[in-house]
Amino acid sequence: MAAVTGPAGALGATRPARLRGRRRPAPGGGATKGGWRVTPWLFLLVPVGMLLLFTYVPVANMVWYSFTSWDGLDPVKEPVGWKNYVEIFTRPEIFRVFLVSLYYLVGAAVQLVLALYFATILSFSTRFRNWFKGIIFFPYLINGVAIGLVFLYFFRPGGTLDAFLAAFGFTGPPLWLGDPSLVNVSLAATSVWRYMGLNFVLFLGAIQSIPNELYEAADLDGANAWQKFRFIIAPGIRQIIGLSVILAVSGALSVFEMPFIMTGGANGSETFVIQTVNTAFTFSKVGLASAMAVVLLIIVLFISWVQRRIVPDERGDLV
């Protein structure tokens, strides 16, 4: 091959040796050695610091308190080893309150089914669908204390529910919040009404992200509504369904707000979290309450792990 001549060749020949050996830096390449490599961490510094300060540090303190007999006031936290955990697993009344969570588990299943049903219907052309979307999602926007007070008057003797039933000839209604056989059903129904909007929005967004071409192809093949749901919608939103199940199960095990506001845990409506709060602040046994909280955390994490093993986190391959 002939040697390069002309202006370019001459320029290369006359370029000093120290310039001929230097490479041109890539666009933005020089900055990565300095500030650009540090800049992302500067943006993450504040949120990560807040996460550590308000989440992981309190959890670490809770674990430490669970091995002490601290009463919440004494500056001295006397270590007691595994005594608190032994007491938890040797007192049947502590775990007996988990039976109350069964009502909320059933309510969570009903909540997921209803949310998925309404999300599927309102994802397609339906009259007044935006109006129905607002009605379903609106309860989730209301403060939990306000909802508890509203339903407290709704279920009270002679309240809204009793007046509604009396209008249809039903007399002598039961005590919805005073009867131990009905109180947890009433509270679980209240939770379903409040939290169904969250699952509804999650399902609705996932369903609307499925390409319309799949529905058109299903119509050409003569698929009915159930076949579209089974073979298109359900596989396409499998990840969201798994996430909703985890949230529902963990929420059913850690119910606190509705029963605490409406009944205070009376008439057989005490949940594990209410029992933990009473142990800490009513009986001044913060160490034992911390151990109960750690046990609940382990149970929720274990159930979440089992669920992820049963339903792996895989994207639905529809295309």
Protein backbone atom coordinates (compact mmCIF):
# COMPACT_ATOMS: atom_id res chain seq x y z
CA MET A 1 0.00 0.00 0.00
CA ALA A 2 1.33 3.43 -0.90
CA ALA A 3 2.25 5.86 1.77
CA VAL A 4 -0.30 8.53 2.60
CA THR A 5 0.63 11.86 1.04
CA GLY A 6 -0.99 15.20 0.77
CA PRO A 7 -2.05 17.63 3.45
CA ALA A 8 -3.35 15.01 5.85
CA GLY A 9 -0.24 12.93 5.53
CA ALA A 10 1.98 15.95 5.82
CA LEU A 11 0.12 17.12 8.89
CA GLY A 12 0.47 13.72 10.47
CA ALA A 13 4.15 13.67 9.65
CA THR A 14 4.81 17.10 11.05
CA ARG A 15 2.71 16.59 14.24
CA PRO A 16 4.86 16.47 17.33
CA ALA A 17 5.47 13.02 18.79
CA ARG A 18 3.73 13.84 22.10
CA LEU A 19 0.56 14.83 20.16
CA ARG A 20 0.69 11.87 17.75
CA GLY A 21 0.65 9.42 20.67
CA ARG A 22 -2.31 11.03 22.46
CA ARG A 23 -5.81 9.65 21.87
CA ARG A 24 -8.79 11.87 21.44
CA PRO A 25 -11.03 11.43 24.49
CA ALA A 26 -14.49 10.00 23.92
CA PRO A 27 -17.39 12.41 24.31
CA GLY A 28 -17.98 12.76 28.03
CA GLY A 29 -15.30 10.18 28.78
CA GLY A 30 -13.06 12.50 30.70
CA ALA A 31 -15.87 13.50 33.02
CA THR A 32 -16.53 9.92 34.13
CA LYS A 33 -13.19 9.87 35.93
CA GLY A 34 -14.21 12.79 38.08
CA GLY A 35 -17.50 14.37 38.87
CA TRP A 36 -19.82 12.28 36.69
CA ARG A 37 -18.93 9.11 38.55
CA VAL A 38 -19.75 10.70 41.92
CA THR A 39 -22.83 12.67 40.86
CA PRO A 40 -25.36 9.77 40.96
CA TRP A 41 -24.30 8.95 44.52
CA LEU A 42 -24.83 12.56 45.53
CA PHE A 43 -28.44 12.34 44.34
CA LEU A 44 -28.90 9.05 46.23
CA LEU A 45 -27.28 10.31 49.41
CA VAL A 46 -30.38 11.96 50.89
CA PRO A 47 -32.98 9.25 50.10
CA VAL A 48 -30.64 6.44 51.13
CA GLY A 49 -29.81 8.30 54.33
CA MET A 50 -33.48 8.78 55.13
CA LEU A 51 -34.17 5.12 54.34
CA LEU A 52 -31.45 4.02 56.75
CA LEU A 53 -32.49 6.51 59.42
CA PHE A 54 -36.23 5.86 59.38
CA THR A 55 -36.36 2.17 58.36
CA TYR A 56 -33.30 0.08 59.00
CA VAL A 57 -32.08 1.78 62.15
CA PRO A 58 -35.50 1.42 63.87
CA VAL A 59 -35.65 -2.22 62.79
CA ALA A 60 -32.19 -2.83 64.23
CA ASN A 61 -33.25 -1.12 67.48
CA MET A 62 -36.40 -3.23 67.57
CA VAL A 63 -34.36 -6.41 67.27
CA TRP A 64 -32.09 -5.21 70.06
CA TYR A 65 -35.04 -4.31 72.30
CA SER A 66 -36.50 -7.79 71.76
CA PHE A 67 -33.59 -9.24 73.73
CA THR A 68 -34.14 -6.91 76.69
CA SER A 69 -36.75 -6.37 79.40
CA TRP A 70 -37.06 -2.65 78.65
CA ASP A 71 -40.28 -0.98 79.78
CA GLY A 72 -39.98 2.02 77.46
CA LEU A 73 -38.91 4.49 80.18
CA ASP A 74 -35.99 3.04 82.08
CA PRO A 75 -32.66 4.26 80.65
CA VAL A 76 -31.17 0.85 81.49
CA LYS A 77 -32.09 -1.93 79.06
CA GLU A 78 -31.33 -5.18 80.84
CA PRO A 79 -30.58 -8.05 78.45
CA VAL A 80 -32.68 -11.17 78.97
CA GLY A 81 -31.52 -13.27 76.04
CA TRP A 82 -34.23 -15.35 74.33
CA LYS A 83 -36.71 -15.04 77.22
CA ASN A 84 -39.16 -12.87 75.30
CA TYR A 85 -39.24 -15.26 72.36
CA VAL A 86 -39.73 -18.24 74.68
CA GLU A 87 -42.66 -16.44 76.28
CA ILE A 88 -44.23 -15.76 72.89
CA PHE A 89 -44.13 -19.39 71.80
CA THR A 90 -45.23 -20.76 75.20
CA ARG A 91 -48.30 -18.54 75.64
CA PRO A 92 -51.11 -19.78 73.38
CA GLU A 93 -53.16 -16.60 73.81
CA ILE A 94 -50.53 -14.59 71.93
CA PHE A 95 -50.87 -16.61 68.72
CA ARG A 96 -54.59 -17.21 69.17
CA VAL A 97 -55.32 -13.72 67.87
CA PHE A 98 -54.03 -14.83 64.46
CA LEU A 99 -57.38 -16.58 64.06
CA VAL A 100 -58.86 -13.10 63.64
CA SER A 101 -56.61 -12.64 60.61
CA LEU A 102 -58.50 -15.44 58.86
CA TYR A 103 -61.46 -13.09 58.44
CA TYR A 104 -59.22 -10.53 56.80
CA LEU A 105 -57.61 -13.19 54.59
CA VAL A 106 -61.05 -14.15 53.29
CA GLY A 107 -61.85 -10.46 52.88
CA ALA A 108 -58.59 -9.97 50.99
CA ALA A 109 -59.49 -12.79 48.59
CA VAL A 110 -62.91 -11.24 47.98
CA GLN A 111 -61.24 -7.86 47.52
CA LEU A 112 -58.81 -9.17 44.88
CA VAL A 113 -61.55 -10.97 42.96
CA LEU A 114 -63.81 -7.92 42.91
CA ALA A 115 -60.96 -5.59 41.96
CA LEU A 116 -59.90 -7.86 39.11
CA TYR A 117 -63.50 -8.23 37.92
CA PHE A 118 -64.18 -4.49 37.83
CA ALA A 119 -60.77 -3.73 36.33
CA THR A 120 -61.40 -6.21 33.52
CA ILE A 121 -64.84 -4.81 32.73
CA LEU A 122 -63.84 -1.14 32.92
CA SER A 123 -60.75 -1.67 30.77
CA PHE A 124 -62.97 -1.88 27.72
CA SER A 125 -65.66 0.33 26.28
CA THR A 126 -68.28 0.60 29.00
CA ARG A 127 -70.83 3.34 29.53
CA PHE A 128 -69.87 5.69 32.39
CA ARG A 129 -66.66 3.76 32.96
CA ASN A 130 -64.71 6.83 34.12
CA TRP A 131 -67.43 7.56 36.65
CA PHE A 132 -67.27 4.00 37.98
CA LYS A 133 -63.49 4.16 38.15
CA GLY A 134 -63.70 7.21 40.37
CA ILE A 135 -66.29 5.62 42.64
CA ILE A 136 -64.20 2.46 43.14
CA PHE A 137 -60.92 4.27 43.73
CA PHE A 138 -62.25 7.13 45.87
CA PRO A 139 -62.43 5.23 49.22
CA TYR A 140 -58.68 4.58 49.07
CA LEU A 141 -58.05 8.34 49.04
CA ILE A 142 -59.97 8.92 52.28
CA ASN A 143 -58.12 9.00 55.58
CA GLY A 144 -58.39 5.74 57.51
CA VAL A 145 -59.52 7.46 60.71
CA ALA A 146 -62.35 9.16 58.83
CA ILE A 147 -63.44 5.86 57.32
CA GLY A 148 -63.38 4.22 60.74
CA LEU A 149 -65.58 6.92 62.24
CA VAL A 150 -68.00 6.83 59.30
CA PHE A 151 -68.47 3.07 59.55
CA LEU A 152 -68.66 3.29 63.32
CA TYR A 153 -71.89 5.24 62.87
CA PHE A 154 -72.87 3.02 59.95
CA PHE A 155 -72.81 -0.15 62.10
CA ARG A 156 -74.01 1.34 65.38
CA PRO A 157 -77.42 0.26 66.77
CA GLY A 158 -80.08 2.34 65.04
CA GLY A 159 -77.50 3.62 62.57
CA THR A 160 -77.47 3.80 58.80
CA LEU A 161 -77.37 0.05 58.18
CA ASP A 162 -80.19 -0.68 60.62
CA ALA A 163 -82.31 2.11 59.13
CA PHE A 164 -81.70 0.75 55.64
CA LEU A 165 -82.74 -2.77 56.68
CA ALA A 166 -85.81 -1.43 58.53
CA ALA A 167 -86.96 0.24 55.30
CA PHE A 168 -87.26 -3.24 53.77
CA GLY A 169 -89.05 -4.72 56.77
CA PHE A 170 -86.11 -6.25 58.63
CA THR A 171 -86.60 -5.75 62.36
CA GLY A 172 -84.38 -6.62 65.30
CA PRO A 173 -80.98 -6.35 63.56
CA PRO A 174 -77.95 -7.79 65.35
CA LEU A 175 -75.17 -5.83 67.01
CA TRP A 176 -72.79 -5.55 64.10
CA LEU A 177 -69.84 -4.46 66.26
CA GLY A 178 -71.02 -5.93 69.58
CA ASP A 179 -71.63 -9.54 68.57
CA PRO A 180 -68.33 -11.52 68.62
CA SER A 181 -69.61 -13.67 65.76
CA LEU A 182 -70.23 -10.66 63.50
CA VAL A 183 -67.73 -8.00 64.54
CA ASN A 184 -64.82 -9.37 62.48
CA VAL A 185 -67.06 -9.83 59.43
CA SER A 186 -68.11 -6.18 59.69
CA LEU A 187 -64.53 -4.99 60.09
CA ALA A 188 -63.28 -7.15 57.22
CA ALA A 189 -66.05 -5.80 54.97
CA THR A 190 -64.98 -2.27 55.86
CA SER A 191 -61.40 -3.08 54.89
CA VAL A 192 -62.55 -4.55 51.59
CA TRP A 193 -64.47 -1.36 50.79
CA ARG A 194 -61.49 0.81 51.58
CA TYR A 195 -58.60 -1.06 49.95
CA MET A 196 -60.27 -2.50 46.85
CA GLY A 197 -59.50 0.72 44.99
CA LEU A 198 -55.75 0.18 45.27
CA ASN A 199 -55.89 -3.30 43.73
CA PHE A 200 -58.35 -2.02 41.16
CA VAL A 201 -55.93 0.66 39.93
CA LEU A 202 -53.02 -1.81 39.82
CA PHE A 203 -55.03 -4.31 37.78
CA LEU A 204 -56.48 -1.60 35.55
CA GLY A 205 -53.08 -0.20 34.63
CA ALA A 206 -51.69 -3.66 33.93
CA ILE A 207 -54.63 -4.69 31.75
CA GLN A 208 -54.50 -1.49 29.71
CA SER A 209 -50.81 -2.12 28.99
CA ILE A 210 -51.65 -5.29 27.03
CA PRO A 211 -51.48 -4.62 23.26
CA ASN A 212 -54.85 -4.31 21.52
CA GLU A 213 -53.59 -6.51 18.70
CA LEU A 214 -53.92 -9.52 20.94
CA TYR A 215 -57.61 -8.87 21.51
CA GLU A 216 -58.14 -8.33 17.78
CA ALA A 217 -56.43 -11.64 17.03
CA ALA A 218 -58.59 -13.34 19.64
CA ASP A 219 -61.73 -11.90 18.05
CA LEU A 220 -60.66 -13.27 14.67
CA ASP A 221 -60.21 -16.69 16.27
CA GLY A 222 -63.68 -16.52 17.80
CA ALA A 223 -62.57 -16.34 21.44
CA ASN A 224 -65.21 -15.44 24.00
CA ALA A 225 -64.77 -13.11 26.99
CA TRP A 226 -63.68 -15.86 29.37
CA GLN A 227 -61.05 -17.17 26.93
CA LYS A 228 -59.67 -13.66 26.48
CA PHE A 229 -59.36 -13.31 30.24
CA ARG A 230 -57.80 -16.73 30.71
CA PHE A 231 -55.28 -16.70 27.89
CA ILE A 232 -54.52 -12.98 27.47
CA ILE A 233 -55.35 -10.92 30.56
CA ALA A 234 -54.41 -13.35 33.34
CA PRO A 235 -50.96 -14.26 31.93
CA GLY A 236 -50.30 -10.63 31.01
CA ILE A 237 -50.86 -9.29 34.54
CA ARG A 238 -49.39 -12.24 36.45
CA GLN A 239 -46.74 -10.07 38.08
CA ILE A 240 -49.32 -7.59 39.37
CA ILE A 241 -51.49 -10.41 40.68
CA GLY A 242 -48.52 -11.81 42.58
CA LEU A 243 -47.70 -8.40 44.03
CA SER A 244 -51.32 -7.88 45.08
CA VAL A 245 -51.43 -11.26 46.79
CA ILE A 246 -48.30 -10.42 48.80
CA LEU A 247 -49.76 -7.07 49.84
CA ALA A 248 -53.09 -8.68 50.74
CA VAL A 249 -51.59 -11.43 52.87
CA SER A 250 -49.19 -9.12 54.70
CA GLY A 251 -52.01 -6.64 55.23
CA ALA A 252 -54.33 -9.32 56.63
CA LEU A 253 -51.67 -10.41 59.13
CA SER A 254 -50.88 -6.86 60.25
CA VAL A 255 -54.36 -5.31 60.44
CA PHE A 256 -54.48 -2.46 62.91
CA GLU A 257 -56.26 0.68 61.79
CA MET A 258 -59.91 -0.36 61.33
CA PRO A 259 -60.35 -2.58 64.42
CA PHE A 260 -58.38 -0.18 66.63
CA ILE A 261 -60.53 2.82 65.64
CA MET A 262 -63.89 1.10 65.55
CA THR A 263 -63.70 -1.37 68.45
CA GLY A 264 -60.32 -0.95 70.13
CA GLY A 265 -59.87 -4.72 69.86
CA ALA A 266 -62.97 -5.47 71.96
CA ASN A 267 -65.50 -8.29 71.45
CA GLY A 268 -62.96 -10.66 69.97
CA SER A 269 -61.65 -8.25 67.31
CA GLU A 270 -58.14 -7.87 68.72
CA THR A 271 -55.46 -8.47 66.09
CA PHE A 272 -51.81 -9.34 66.58
CA VAL A 273 -50.72 -5.75 65.97
CA ILE A 274 -53.25 -4.37 68.48
CA GLN A 275 -52.03 -6.91 71.00
CA THR A 276 -48.44 -5.84 70.33
CA VAL A 277 -49.31 -2.16 70.81
CA ASN A 278 -51.16 -2.89 74.06
CA THR A 279 -48.24 -4.95 75.31
CA ALA A 280 -45.85 -2.08 74.68
CA PHE A 281 -47.84 0.97 75.78
CA THR A 282 -50.50 -0.39 78.15
CA PHE A 283 -48.49 -3.04 80.00
CA SER A 284 -45.10 -1.29 79.51
CA LYS A 285 -43.40 -4.38 78.08
CA VAL A 286 -41.55 -2.89 75.15
CA GLY A 287 -39.05 -5.75 75.06
CA LEU A 288 -41.77 -8.39 74.71
CA ALA A 289 -43.68 -6.24 72.20
CA SER A 290 -40.53 -5.84 70.12
CA ALA A 291 -40.09 -9.60 70.05
CA MET A 292 -43.70 -9.96 68.89
CA ALA A 293 -43.05 -7.44 66.13
CA VAL A 294 -39.94 -9.36 65.03
CA VAL A 295 -41.93 -12.59 64.91
CA LEU A 296 -44.62 -10.92 62.78
CA LEU A 297 -41.94 -9.54 60.43
CA ILE A 298 -40.41 -13.00 60.03
CA ILE A 299 -43.83 -14.54 59.32
CA VAL A 300 -44.63 -11.94 56.65
CA LEU A 301 -41.21 -12.35 55.01
CA PHE A 302 -41.55 -16.14 55.04
CA ILE A 303 -45.00 -16.04 53.46
CA SER A 304 -43.73 -13.61 50.82
CA TRP A 305 -40.79 -15.93 50.09
CA VAL A 306 -43.10 -18.95 49.74
CA GLN A 307 -45.37 -17.00 47.44
CA ARG A 308 -42.45 -15.94 45.24
CA ARG A 309 -41.30 -19.56 45.04
CA ILE A 310 -44.76 -20.76 44.04
CA VAL A 311 -45.33 -17.92 41.55
CA PRO A 312 -41.91 -16.90 40.15
CA ASP A 313 -41.36 -13.31 39.08
CA GLU A 314 -41.52 -13.84 35.33
CA ARG A 315 -43.03 -11.66 32.67
CA GLY A 316 -46.01 -13.06 30.81
CA ASP A 317 -44.90 -13.87 27.27
CA LEU A 318 -47.94 -12.99 25.19
CA VAL A 319 -46.39 -11.85 21.96
